N, C-alpha and C. Protein backbone atom coordinates (compact mmCIF):
# COMPACT_ATOMS: atom_id res chain seq x y z
N MET A 1 -13.04 3.24 12.13
CA MET A 1 -12.64 2.20 13.41
C MET A 1 -12.91 1.72 13.84
N GLU A 2 -14.32 1.80 14.58
CA GLU A 2 -14.43 0.79 15.39
C GLU A 2 -14.75 -0.28 14.81
N GLN A 3 -15.13 -0.31 13.27
CA GLN A 3 -15.31 -1.70 12.40
C GLN A 3 -14.05 -2.52 12.66
N VAL A 4 -13.23 -1.95 12.80
CA VAL A 4 -11.51 -2.73 12.72
C VAL A 4 -11.54 -3.22 14.06
N CYS A 5 -11.75 -2.26 14.94
CA CYS A 5 -11.28 -3.03 16.12
C CYS A 5 -12.77 -4.02 16.76
N ASN A 6 -13.58 -4.14 16.00
CA ASN A 6 -14.42 -4.99 16.26
C ASN A 6 -14.27 -6.65 16.24
N LYS A 7 -13.01 -6.44 15.30
CA LYS A 7 -12.64 -7.52 14.32
C LYS A 7 -11.45 -8.12 15.36
N ASP A 8 -10.91 -7.57 15.74
CA ASP A 8 -10.20 -8.06 17.20
C ASP A 8 -8.85 -8.29 16.31
N VAL A 9 -8.34 -7.14 15.72
CA VAL A 9 -7.16 -7.16 14.85
C VAL A 9 -5.87 -6.73 15.42
N ASP A 10 -4.74 -6.97 15.08
CA ASP A 10 -3.24 -6.60 15.77
C ASP A 10 -2.83 -5.66 14.76
N LEU A 11 -3.28 -5.56 13.72
CA LEU A 11 -2.75 -4.48 13.08
C LEU A 11 -3.82 -3.77 11.66
N TYR A 12 -3.84 -2.43 11.74
CA TYR A 12 -4.74 -1.90 10.70
C TYR A 12 -3.54 -1.17 9.55
N ILE A 13 -3.59 -1.94 8.54
CA ILE A 13 -2.76 -1.23 7.33
C ILE A 13 -3.63 -0.49 6.50
N THR A 14 -3.24 0.54 6.20
CA THR A 14 -3.97 1.52 5.25
C THR A 14 -2.66 2.46 4.36
N GLY A 15 -3.62 3.19 3.50
CA GLY A 15 -2.59 4.19 2.81
C GLY A 15 -3.02 4.91 2.70
N ASP A 16 -4.10 5.57 3.71
CA ASP A 16 -4.72 7.07 3.68
C ASP A 16 -5.41 7.14 4.94
N ILE A 17 -5.12 7.35 6.20
CA ILE A 17 -5.77 8.00 7.24
C ILE A 17 -5.95 9.37 7.33
N THR A 18 -6.76 9.91 7.61
CA THR A 18 -6.76 11.35 8.40
C THR A 18 -6.32 11.72 9.73
N TYR A 19 -6.21 12.89 10.28
CA TYR A 19 -5.68 13.16 11.11
C TYR A 19 -6.49 12.64 12.40
N HIS A 20 -7.93 13.25 12.17
CA HIS A 20 -8.68 12.87 12.92
C HIS A 20 -8.92 10.96 13.32
N SER A 21 -8.73 10.17 12.20
CA SER A 21 -8.86 8.89 12.21
C SER A 21 -7.63 8.18 12.87
N ALA A 22 -6.96 8.78 12.71
CA ALA A 22 -5.58 8.29 13.36
C ALA A 22 -5.58 8.49 15.17
N LEU A 23 -5.77 9.88 14.99
CA LEU A 23 -6.14 9.97 17.20
C LEU A 23 -7.46 9.36 17.57
N ARG A 24 -8.48 8.71 16.57
CA ARG A 24 -9.35 7.72 16.78
C ARG A 24 -8.87 6.27 17.27
N ALA A 25 -7.78 5.97 16.52
CA ALA A 25 -7.39 4.64 16.18
C ALA A 25 -6.60 4.58 17.91
N LYS A 26 -5.54 5.84 17.99
CA LYS A 26 -5.04 5.52 19.45
C LYS A 26 -5.91 5.68 20.09
N GLU A 27 -7.18 6.21 20.27
CA GLU A 27 -7.72 6.26 21.59
C GLU A 27 -8.45 5.07 21.82
N LEU A 28 -8.81 4.05 20.88
CA LEU A 28 -9.08 2.38 20.81
C LEU A 28 -8.01 1.69 21.13
N GLY A 29 -6.80 2.22 21.07
CA GLY A 29 -5.90 1.15 21.14
C GLY A 29 -5.45 0.45 20.03
N LEU A 30 -5.60 0.99 18.86
CA LEU A 30 -5.14 0.18 17.54
C LEU A 30 -4.30 0.41 16.82
N ASN A 31 -3.33 -0.32 16.63
CA ASN A 31 -1.97 -0.10 16.07
C ASN A 31 -2.63 0.31 14.58
N VAL A 32 -1.58 1.08 14.07
CA VAL A 32 -2.14 1.52 12.56
C VAL A 32 -0.87 1.57 11.78
N LEU A 33 -0.97 1.15 10.75
CA LEU A 33 0.78 1.25 9.95
C LEU A 33 -0.31 1.92 8.74
N GLU A 34 0.26 3.34 8.29
CA GLU A 34 0.25 3.91 7.29
C GLU A 34 1.30 3.70 6.16
N ILE A 35 1.09 3.27 5.11
CA ILE A 35 2.15 3.10 3.97
C ILE A 35 1.01 4.14 2.73
N GLU A 36 2.34 5.09 2.50
CA GLU A 36 2.07 5.50 1.44
C GLU A 36 1.38 4.84 -0.22
N HIS A 37 0.52 5.43 -0.85
CA HIS A 37 0.14 4.64 -1.58
C HIS A 37 1.02 4.22 -2.95
N PHE A 38 1.88 4.81 -3.19
CA PHE A 38 2.88 4.83 -4.20
C PHE A 38 4.05 3.90 -3.72
N GLU A 39 4.00 3.57 -2.23
CA GLU A 39 4.80 2.53 -1.62
C GLU A 39 4.79 1.49 -2.03
N THR A 40 3.43 0.84 -1.78
CA THR A 40 2.76 -0.32 -1.82
C THR A 40 2.94 -0.40 -3.56
N GLU A 41 2.65 0.78 -4.36
CA GLU A 41 1.99 0.24 -5.80
C GLU A 41 3.33 0.12 -6.56
N LYS A 42 4.72 0.44 -6.16
CA LYS A 42 5.99 -0.19 -6.74
C LYS A 42 6.07 -1.43 -6.63
N PHE A 43 5.69 -1.73 -5.48
CA PHE A 43 6.21 -3.28 -5.27
C PHE A 43 5.11 -4.29 -6.39
N PHE A 44 3.58 -3.88 -5.91
CA PHE A 44 2.58 -4.17 -6.55
C PHE A 44 2.99 -4.22 -8.20
N VAL A 45 3.90 -3.50 -8.84
CA VAL A 45 3.82 -3.49 -10.23
C VAL A 45 5.25 -4.34 -10.78
N GLU A 46 6.05 -4.66 -9.93
CA GLU A 46 7.54 -5.61 -10.22
C GLU A 46 6.65 -7.02 -9.92
N ALA A 47 5.60 -7.31 -8.98
CA ALA A 47 5.15 -8.36 -8.97
C ALA A 47 4.04 -9.17 -9.72
N LEU A 48 3.44 -7.91 -10.24
CA LEU A 48 2.80 -8.23 -11.31
C LEU A 48 3.35 -8.84 -12.72
N TYR A 49 4.38 -8.04 -12.92
CA TYR A 49 5.04 -8.05 -14.27
C TYR A 49 6.10 -9.55 -13.78
N ASP A 50 6.40 -9.50 -13.10
CA ASP A 50 7.00 -11.47 -12.46
C ASP A 50 5.92 -12.23 -12.74
N LYS A 51 5.05 -12.23 -12.34
CA LYS A 51 3.69 -12.73 -12.72
C LYS A 51 3.45 -13.29 -13.96
N LEU A 52 3.05 -12.22 -14.73
CA LEU A 52 2.89 -12.17 -16.01
C LEU A 52 3.93 -12.99 -17.27
N ILE A 53 5.23 -12.85 -16.82
CA ILE A 53 6.32 -13.21 -17.12
C ILE A 53 6.33 -14.78 -16.98
N GLU A 54 5.94 -15.32 -15.89
CA GLU A 54 5.31 -16.79 -15.39
C GLU A 54 4.69 -17.37 -16.15
N PHE A 55 3.52 -16.70 -16.65
CA PHE A 55 2.29 -17.08 -17.45
C PHE A 55 2.54 -17.14 -18.57
N LYS A 56 4.13 -16.92 -19.01
CA LYS A 56 4.51 -16.91 -20.52
C LYS A 56 4.01 -15.56 -21.40
N ILE A 57 3.52 -14.85 -20.88
CA ILE A 57 3.60 -13.53 -21.76
C ILE A 57 4.66 -13.16 -22.23
N PRO A 58 4.90 -12.83 -23.23
CA PRO A 58 6.44 -12.19 -24.07
C PRO A 58 6.62 -11.16 -23.64
N LYS A 59 7.71 -10.96 -22.93
CA LYS A 59 8.25 -9.69 -22.52
C LYS A 59 8.12 -8.60 -23.88
N LYS A 60 8.26 -9.06 -24.95
CA LYS A 60 8.32 -7.74 -26.09
C LYS A 60 6.98 -6.84 -25.90
N ILE A 61 5.74 -7.44 -25.44
CA ILE A 61 4.47 -6.82 -25.14
C ILE A 61 4.53 -6.00 -24.20
N LEU A 62 5.53 -6.54 -23.06
CA LEU A 62 5.14 -5.75 -21.75
C LEU A 62 6.14 -4.87 -21.63
N LEU A 63 5.49 -3.55 -21.01
CA LEU A 63 6.45 -2.35 -21.03
C LEU A 63 6.27 -1.74 -19.47
N LYS A 64 7.46 -1.72 -19.01
CA LYS A 64 7.55 -1.74 -17.51
C LYS A 64 8.26 -0.49 -17.17
N SER A 65 7.36 0.48 -16.77
CA SER A 65 8.20 2.09 -16.58
C SER A 65 9.27 1.96 -15.70
N LYS A 66 10.47 2.41 -16.04
CA LYS A 66 11.94 2.34 -15.51
C LYS A 66 12.12 3.77 -15.01
N LYS A 67 10.90 4.64 -14.36
CA LYS A 67 10.84 5.65 -14.10
C LYS A 67 9.73 6.24 -12.75
N ILE A 68 9.59 5.09 -11.74
CA ILE A 68 8.73 5.33 -10.80
C ILE A 68 9.05 6.00 -9.82
N GLU A 69 8.23 7.02 -9.66
CA GLU A 69 8.71 8.00 -8.47
C GLU A 69 7.16 8.83 -7.72
N SER A 70 7.82 8.65 -6.50
CA SER A 70 6.69 9.59 -5.76
C SER A 70 6.46 10.79 -6.21
N PRO A 71 5.30 11.22 -6.44
CA PRO A 71 5.06 12.48 -6.68
C PRO A 71 5.36 13.39 -5.40
N TYR A 72 5.51 12.85 -4.61
CA TYR A 72 5.78 13.88 -3.07
C TYR A 72 6.66 13.84 -3.02
N GLN A 73 7.45 15.36 -2.07
CA GLN A 73 8.83 15.31 -2.01
C GLN A 73 8.71 15.73 -0.37
N LEU A 74 9.60 14.86 0.38
CA LEU A 74 10.20 14.77 1.48
C LEU A 74 11.16 16.09 1.95
N LEU A 75 10.57 17.12 2.85
CA LEU A 75 11.37 18.27 3.15
C LEU A 75 12.40 17.97 4.34
């Protein structure tokens, strides 16, 4: 956390932060946005697929999953 704070950032974006690291960030006055790994990955897959099509990679050799879901269940 100290390394991030020393860079004078407005927001620290991460896919995984521990409880104690979150407490430390709060002590340091650091804004943290934690985004679940899956949530960021699903957008990357779509962007990568689109980019490959843009590079003229034939669709017939690309396979994009139609069942992309998080392994976590919210209760």
